[in-house]
Amino acid sequence: MAKSLELLFNTSLGKAKSLSVADPILNLTPEKAKAAMESISALKLFQSEGVDLCATVAGARYTERIVEDIFEV
């Protein structure tokens, strides 16, 4: 099973946006996750056509994905 950390933001237009982190630290506290996300938001690193893609913090969650190979060549 592959775990990832999904960081949930709202854009400056109010639309939902997420960032996924592969192989995350699994014991993050809500306070640490929120502080890191607020730093990402403040840096305004992710923009597209003048829209801030990580304008406000909306939440964070761990997700898990199960991959079953049927065959490989």
PDB file of N, CA and C in Angstrom:
ATOM      1  N   MET A   1       0.834  -1.178   0.000  1.00  0.00           N
ATOM      2  CA  MET A   1       0.000   0.000   0.000  1.00  0.00           C
ATOM      3  C   MET A   1       0.880   1.243   0.000  1.00  0.00           C
ATOM      4  N   ALA A   2       0.510   2.171  -0.833  1.00  0.00           N
ATOM      5  CA  ALA A   2       1.259   3.418  -0.934  1.00  0.00           C
ATOM      6  C   ALA A   2       0.493   4.525  -0.220  1.00  0.00           C
ATOM      7  N   LYS A   3       1.136   5.135   0.770  1.00  0.00           N
ATOM      8  CA  LYS A   3       0.510   6.241   1.492  1.00  0.00           C
ATOM      9  C   LYS A   3       1.027   7.556   0.949  1.00  0.00           C
ATOM     10  N   SER A   4       0.164   8.561   0.971  1.00  0.00           N
ATOM     11  CA  SER A   4       0.585   9.908   0.613  1.00  0.00           C
ATOM     12  C   SER A   4      -0.133  10.895   1.523  1.00  0.00           C
ATOM     13  N   LEU A   5       0.410  12.080   1.577  1.00  0.00           N
ATOM     14  CA  LEU A   5      -0.179  13.168   2.351  1.00  0.00           C
ATOM     15  C   LEU A   5      -0.801  14.128   1.359  1.00  0.00           C
ATOM     16  N   GLU A   6      -2.074  14.398   1.517  1.00  0.00           N
ATOM     17  CA  GLU A   6      -2.779  15.306   0.631  1.00  0.00           C
ATOM     18  C   GLU A   6      -3.005  16.619   1.368  1.00  0.00           C
ATOM     19  N   LEU A   7      -2.444  17.695   0.822  1.00  0.00           N
ATOM     20  CA  LEU A   7      -2.591  19.028   1.398  1.00  0.00           C
ATOM     21  C   LEU A   7      -3.688  19.745   0.628  1.00  0.00           C
ATOM     22  N   LEU A   8      -4.714  20.174   1.335  1.00  0.00           N
ATOM     23  CA  LEU A   8      -5.886  20.768   0.702  1.00  0.00           C
ATOM     24  C   LEU A   8      -5.870  22.282   0.879  1.00  0.00           C
ATOM     25  N   PHE A   9      -6.008  22.988  -0.234  1.00  0.00           N
ATOM     26  CA  PHE A   9      -6.013  24.449  -0.242  1.00  0.00           C
ATOM     27  C   PHE A   9      -7.224  24.947  -1.012  1.00  0.00           C
ATOM     28  N   ASN A  10      -7.505  26.235  -0.875  1.00  0.00           N
ATOM     29  CA  ASN A  10      -8.454  26.925  -1.736  1.00  0.00           C
ATOM     30  C   ASN A  10      -7.668  27.959  -2.524  1.00  0.00           C
ATOM     31  N   THR A  11      -8.011  28.114  -3.798  1.00  0.00           N
ATOM     32  CA  THR A  11      -7.351  29.114  -4.623  1.00  0.00           C
ATOM     33  C   THR A  11      -7.892  30.495  -4.264  1.00  0.00           C
ATOM     34  N   SER A  12      -7.270  31.526  -4.827  1.00  0.00           N
ATOM     35  CA  SER A  12      -7.755  32.884  -4.589  1.00  0.00           C
ATOM     36  C   SER A  12      -9.120  33.109  -5.230  1.00  0.00           C
ATOM     37  N   LEU A  13      -9.556  32.180  -6.082  1.00  0.00           N
ATOM     38  CA  LEU A  13     -10.899  32.242  -6.665  1.00  0.00           C
ATOM     39  C   LEU A  13     -11.896  31.371  -5.907  1.00  0.00           C
ATOM     40  N   GLY A  14     -11.439  30.732  -4.823  1.00  0.00           N
ATOM     41  CA  GLY A  14     -12.320  29.912  -4.002  1.00  0.00           C
ATOM     42  C   GLY A  14     -12.471  28.468  -4.446  1.00  0.00           C
ATOM     43  N   LYS A  15     -11.707  28.038  -5.427  1.00  0.00           N
ATOM     44  CA  LYS A  15     -11.786  26.652  -5.895  1.00  0.00           C
ATOM     45  C   LYS A  15     -10.846  25.765  -5.087  1.00  0.00           C
ATOM     46  N   ALA A  16     -11.213  24.508  -4.949  1.00  0.00           N
ATOM     47  CA  ALA A  16     -10.397  23.544  -4.207  1.00  0.00           C
ATOM     48  C   ALA A  16      -9.181  23.133  -5.034  1.00  0.00           C
ATOM     49  N   LYS A  17      -8.045  22.995  -4.358  1.00  0.00           N
ATOM     50  CA  LYS A  17      -6.796  22.557  -4.987  1.00  0.00           C
ATOM     51  C   LYS A  17      -6.057  21.691  -3.986  1.00  0.00           C
ATOM     52  N   SER A  18      -5.347  20.677  -4.458  1.00  0.00           N
ATOM     53  CA  SER A  18      -4.600  19.824  -3.530  1.00  0.00           C
ATOM     54  C   SER A  18      -3.191  19.567  -4.042  1.00  0.00           C
ATOM     55  N   LEU A  19      -2.300  19.329  -3.094  1.00  0.00           N
ATOM     56  CA  LEU A  19      -0.928  18.917  -3.377  1.00  0.00           C
ATOM     57  C   LEU A  19      -0.730  17.570  -2.698  1.00  0.00           C
ATOM     58  N   SER A  20      -0.118  16.626  -3.388  1.00  0.00           N
ATOM     59  CA  SER A  20       0.139  15.311  -2.802  1.00  0.00           C
ATOM     60  C   SER A  20       1.628  15.125  -2.569  1.00  0.00           C
ATOM     61  N   VAL A  21       1.961  14.578  -1.407  1.00  0.00           N
ATOM     62  CA  VAL A  21       3.344  14.305  -1.030  1.00  0.00           C
ATOM     63  C   VAL A  21       3.488  12.794  -0.870  1.00  0.00           C
ATOM     64  N   ALA A  22       4.360  12.193  -1.677  1.00  0.00           N
ATOM     65  CA  ALA A  22       4.601  10.751  -1.594  1.00  0.00           C
ATOM     66  C   ALA A  22       5.510  10.437  -0.413  1.00  0.00           C
ATOM     67  N   ASP A  23       5.316   9.287   0.185  1.00  0.00           N
ATOM     68  CA  ASP A  23       6.132   8.816   1.320  1.00  0.00           C
ATOM     69  C   ASP A  23       6.267   9.875   2.416  1.00  0.00           C
ATOM     70  N   PRO A  24       5.153  10.343   2.945  1.00  0.00           N
ATOM     71  CA  PRO A  24       5.204  11.418   3.945  1.00  0.00           C
ATOM     72  C   PRO A  24       5.598  10.917   5.332  1.00  0.00           C
ATOM     73  N   ILE A  25       5.916  11.857   6.198  1.00  0.00           N
ATOM     74  CA  ILE A  25       6.064  11.563   7.623  1.00  0.00           C
ATOM     75  C   ILE A  25       4.661  11.215   8.118  1.00  0.00           C
ATOM     76  N   LEU A  26       4.509  10.093   8.804  1.00  0.00           N
ATOM     77  CA  LEU A  26       3.174   9.610   9.156  1.00  0.00           C
ATOM     78  C   LEU A  26       2.667  10.068  10.519  1.00  0.00           C
ATOM     79  N   ASN A  27       3.472  10.748  11.294  1.00  0.00           N
ATOM     80  CA  ASN A  27       3.015  11.157  12.624  1.00  0.00           C
ATOM     81  C   ASN A  27       2.923  12.674  12.761  1.00  0.00           C
ATOM     82  N   LEU A  28       2.525  13.351  11.702  1.00  0.00           N
ATOM     83  CA  LEU A  28       2.382  14.805  11.771  1.00  0.00           C
ATOM     84  C   LEU A  28       1.227  15.184  12.694  1.00  0.00           C
ATOM     85  N   THR A  29       1.439  16.208  13.487  1.00  0.00           N
ATOM     86  CA  THR A  29       0.344  16.737  14.298  1.00  0.00           C
ATOM     87  C   THR A  29      -0.433  17.735  13.443  1.00  0.00           C
ATOM     88  N   PRO A  30      -1.689  17.976  13.778  1.00  0.00           N
ATOM     89  CA  PRO A  30      -2.448  18.986  13.038  1.00  0.00           C
ATOM     90  C   PRO A  30      -1.756  20.353  13.064  1.00  0.00           C
ATOM     91  N   GLU A  31      -1.139  20.692  14.185  1.00  0.00           N
ATOM     92  CA  GLU A  31      -0.471  21.993  14.312  1.00  0.00           C
ATOM     93  C   GLU A  31       0.722  22.106  13.358  1.00  0.00           C
ATOM     94  N   LYS A  32       1.526  21.049  13.273  1.00  0.00           N
ATOM     95  CA  LYS A  32       2.688  21.073  12.374  1.00  0.00           C
ATOM     96  C   LYS A  32       2.255  21.117  10.912  1.00  0.00           C
ATOM     97  N   ALA A  33       1.256  20.328  10.569  1.00  0.00           N
ATOM     98  CA  ALA A  33       0.773  20.309   9.191  1.00  0.00           C
ATOM     99  C   ALA A  33       0.219  21.673   8.801  1.00  0.00           C
ATOM    100  N   LYS A  34      -0.582  22.264   9.678  1.00  0.00           N
ATOM    101  CA  LYS A  34      -1.174  23.570   9.379  1.00  0.00           C
ATOM    102  C   LYS A  34      -0.101  24.643   9.257  1.00  0.00           C
ATOM    103  N   ALA A  35       0.891  24.629  10.138  1.00  0.00           N
ATOM    104  CA  ALA A  35       1.969  25.622  10.082  1.00  0.00           C
ATOM    105  C   ALA A  35       2.746  25.505   8.770  1.00  0.00           C
ATOM    106  N   ALA A  36       3.043  24.285   8.356  1.00  0.00           N
ATOM    107  CA  ALA A  36       3.760  24.081   7.094  1.00  0.00           C
ATOM    108  C   ALA A  36       2.929  24.564   5.912  1.00  0.00           C
ATOM    109  N   MET A  37       1.637  24.274   5.946  1.00  0.00           N
ATOM    110  CA  MET A  37       0.761  24.695   4.858  1.00  0.00           C
ATOM    111  C   MET A  37       0.611  26.209   4.815  1.00  0.00           C
ATOM    112  N   GLU A  38       0.562  26.849   5.966  1.00  0.00           N
ATOM    113  CA  GLU A  38       0.488  28.311   6.005  1.00  0.00           C
ATOM    114  C   GLU A  38       1.759  28.931   5.432  1.00  0.00           C
ATOM    115  N   SER A  39       2.903  28.293   5.656  1.00  0.00           N
ATOM    116  CA  SER A  39       4.163  28.763   5.066  1.00  0.00           C
ATOM    117  C   SER A  39       4.122  28.642   3.546  1.00  0.00           C
ATOM    118  N   ILE A  40       3.617  27.519   3.050  1.00  0.00           N
ATOM    119  CA  ILE A  40       3.481  27.326   1.600  1.00  0.00           C
ATOM    120  C   ILE A  40       2.581  28.406   1.019  1.00  0.00           C
ATOM    121  N   SER A  41       1.472  28.659   1.677  1.00  0.00           N
ATOM    122  CA  SER A  41       0.521  29.664   1.213  1.00  0.00           C
ATOM    123  C   SER A  41       1.147  31.057   1.198  1.00  0.00           C
ATOM    124  N   ALA A  42       1.882  31.403   2.249  1.00  0.00           N
ATOM    125  CA  ALA A  42       2.486  32.738   2.363  1.00  0.00           C
ATOM    126  C   ALA A  42       3.554  32.978   1.297  1.00  0.00           C
ATOM    127  N   LEU A  43       4.246  31.929   0.874  1.00  0.00           N
ATOM    128  CA  LEU A  43       5.303  32.077  -0.131  1.00  0.00           C
ATOM    129  C   LEU A  43       4.760  32.315  -1.537  1.00  0.00           C
ATOM    130  N   LYS A  44       3.496  31.998  -1.759  1.00  0.00           N
ATOM    131  CA  LYS A  44       2.845  32.179  -3.063  1.00  0.00           C
ATOM    132  C   LYS A  44       3.664  31.554  -4.204  1.00  0.00           C
ATOM    133  N   LEU A  45       4.108  30.324  -3.971  1.00  0.00           N
ATOM    134  CA  LEU A  45       4.928  29.613  -4.951  1.00  0.00           C
ATOM    135  C   LEU A  45       4.130  29.087  -6.139  1.00  0.00           C
ATOM    136  N   PHE A  46       2.874  28.775  -5.912  1.00  0.00           N
ATOM    137  CA  PHE A  46       2.067  28.127  -6.936  1.00  0.00           C
ATOM    138  C   PHE A  46       1.018  29.101  -7.450  1.00  0.00           C
ATOM    139  N   GLN A  47       1.261  29.614  -8.662  1.00  0.00           N
ATOM    140  CA  GLN A  47       0.339  30.553  -9.285  1.00  0.00           C
ATOM    141  C   GLN A  47       0.158  30.179 -10.745  1.00  0.00           C
ATOM    142  N   SER A  48      -1.006  30.501 -11.262  1.00  0.00           N
ATOM    143  CA  SER A  48      -1.299  30.256 -12.670  1.00  0.00           C
ATOM    144  C   SER A  48      -2.196  31.374 -13.173  1.00  0.00           C
ATOM    145  N   GLU A  49      -1.729  32.079 -14.170  1.00  0.00           N
ATOM    146  CA  GLU A  49      -2.494  33.170 -14.782  1.00  0.00           C
ATOM    147  C   GLU A  49      -3.013  34.150 -13.738  1.00  0.00           C
ATOM    148  N   GLY A  50      -2.164  34.506 -12.786  1.00  0.00           N
ATOM    149  CA  GLY A  50      -2.518  35.482 -11.765  1.00  0.00           C
ATOM    150  C   GLY A  50      -3.351  34.946 -10.618  1.00  0.00           C
ATOM    151  N   VAL A  51      -3.658  33.658 -10.630  1.00  0.00           N
ATOM    152  CA  VAL A  51      -4.457  33.042  -9.568  1.00  0.00           C
ATOM    153  C   VAL A  51      -3.517  32.345  -8.590  1.00  0.00           C
ATOM    154  N   ASP A  52      -3.649  32.669  -7.311  1.00  0.00           N
ATOM    155  CA  ASP A  52      -2.873  32.002  -6.263  1.00  0.00           C
ATOM    156  C   ASP A  52      -3.520  30.644  -6.015  1.00  0.00           C
ATOM    157  N   LEU A  53      -2.799  29.568  -6.321  1.00  0.00           N
ATOM    158  CA  LEU A  53      -3.371  28.222  -6.229  1.00  0.00           C
ATOM    159  C   LEU A  53      -3.435  27.682  -4.804  1.00  0.00           C
ATOM    160  N   CYS A  54      -2.674  28.263  -3.890  1.00  0.00           N
ATOM    161  CA  CYS A  54      -2.665  27.827  -2.483  1.00  0.00           C
ATOM    162  C   CYS A  54      -2.940  29.031  -1.587  1.00  0.00           C
ATOM    163  N   ALA A  55      -4.016  29.742  -1.864  1.00  0.00           N
ATOM    164  CA  ALA A  55      -4.306  30.995  -1.160  1.00  0.00           C
ATOM    165  C   ALA A  55      -4.659  30.778   0.305  1.00  0.00           C
ATOM    166  N   THR A  56      -5.491  29.783   0.592  1.00  0.00           N
ATOM    167  CA  THR A  56      -5.884  29.519   1.980  1.00  0.00           C
ATOM    168  C   THR A  56      -5.821  28.023   2.272  1.00  0.00           C
ATOM    169  N   VAL A  57      -5.554  27.707   3.517  1.00  0.00           N
ATOM    170  CA  VAL A  57      -5.456  26.320   3.971  1.00  0.00           C
ATOM    171  C   VAL A  57      -6.861  25.766   4.204  1.00  0.00           C
ATOM    172  N   ALA A  58      -7.126  24.568   3.673  1.00  0.00           N
ATOM    173  CA  ALA A  58      -8.438  23.947   3.847  1.00  0.00           C
ATOM    174  C   ALA A  58      -8.373  22.656   4.658  1.00  0.00           C
ATOM    175  N   GLY A  59      -7.200  22.013   4.725  1.00  0.00           N
ATOM    176  CA  GLY A  59      -7.082  20.782   5.500  1.00  0.00           C
ATOM    177  C   GLY A  59      -5.957  19.907   4.991  1.00  0.00           C
ATOM    178  N   ALA A  60      -5.765  18.796   5.665  1.00  0.00           N
ATOM    179  CA  ALA A  60      -4.738  17.826   5.261  1.00  0.00           C
ATOM    180  C   ALA A  60      -5.227  16.440   5.643  1.00  0.00           C
ATOM    181  N   ARG A  61      -4.829  15.451   4.849  1.00  0.00           N
ATOM    182  CA  ARG A  61      -5.233  14.080   5.154  1.00  0.00           C
ATOM    183  C   ARG A  61      -4.244  13.106   4.538  1.00  0.00           C
ATOM    184  N   TYR A  62      -4.171  11.957   5.163  1.00  0.00           N
ATOM    185  CA  TYR A  62      -3.387  10.861   4.612  1.00  0.00           C
ATOM    186  C   TYR A  62      -4.303  10.063   3.698  1.00  0.00           C
ATOM    187  N   THR A  63      -3.776   9.642   2.567  1.00  0.00           N
ATOM    188  CA  THR A  63      -4.522   8.767   1.669  1.00  0.00           C
ATOM    189  C   THR A  63      -3.703   7.505   1.445  1.00  0.00           C
ATOM    190  N   GLU A  64      -4.400   6.442   1.124  1.00  0.00           N
ATOM    191  CA  GLU A  64      -3.751   5.157   0.916  1.00  0.00           C
ATOM    192  C   GLU A  64      -4.266   4.563  -0.384  1.00  0.00           C
ATOM    193  N   ARG A  65      -3.359   4.002  -1.148  1.00  0.00           N
ATOM    194  CA  ARG A  65      -3.713   3.442  -2.442  1.00  0.00           C
ATOM    195  C   ARG A  65      -3.181   2.025  -2.513  1.00  0.00           C
ATOM    196  N   ILE A  66      -4.020   1.121  -2.950  1.00  0.00           N
ATOM    197  CA  ILE A  66      -3.614  -0.275  -3.109  1.00  0.00           C
ATOM    198  C   ILE A  66      -3.416  -0.538  -4.599  1.00  0.00           C
ATOM    199  N   VAL A  67      -2.250  -1.048  -4.949  1.00  0.00           N
ATOM    200  CA  VAL A  67      -1.936  -1.362  -6.340  1.00  0.00           C
ATOM    201  C   VAL A  67      -1.738  -2.866  -6.458  1.00  0.00           C
ATOM    202  N   GLU A  68      -2.498  -3.486  -7.350  1.00  0.00           N
ATOM    203  CA  GLU A  68      -2.354  -4.917  -7.619  1.00  0.00           C
ATOM    204  C   GLU A  68      -1.942  -5.096  -9.071  1.00  0.00           C
ATOM    205  N   ASP A  69      -0.723  -5.550  -9.281  1.00  0.00           N
ATOM    206  CA  ASP A  69      -0.276  -5.823 -10.642  1.00  0.00           C
ATOM    207  C   ASP A  69      -0.977  -7.071 -11.161  1.00  0.00           C
ATOM    208  N   ILE A  70      -1.478  -6.992 -12.362  1.00  0.00           N
ATOM    209  CA  ILE A  70      -2.079  -8.157 -13.005  1.00  0.00           C
ATOM    210  C   ILE A  70      -0.984  -8.936 -13.720  1.00  0.00           C
ATOM    211  N   PHE A  71      -0.128  -8.225 -14.446  1.00  0.00           N
ATOM    212  CA  PHE A  71       1.043  -8.836 -15.067  1.00  0.00           C
ATOM    213  C   PHE A  71       2.028  -7.738 -15.434  1.00  0.00           C
ATOM    214  N   GLU A  72       3.259  -8.135 -15.663  1.00  0.00           N
ATOM    215  CA  GLU A  72       4.302  -7.218 -16.119  1.00  0.00           C
ATOM    216  C   GLU A  72       5.000  -7.835 -17.307  1.00  0.00           C
ATOM    217  N   VAL A  73       5.455  -7.005 -18.214  1.00  0.00           N
ATOM    218  CA  VAL A  73       6.174  -7.478 -19.401  1.00  0.00           C
ATOM    219  C   VAL A  73       7.632  -7.132 -19.246  1.00  0.00           C
TER     220      VAL A  73
END
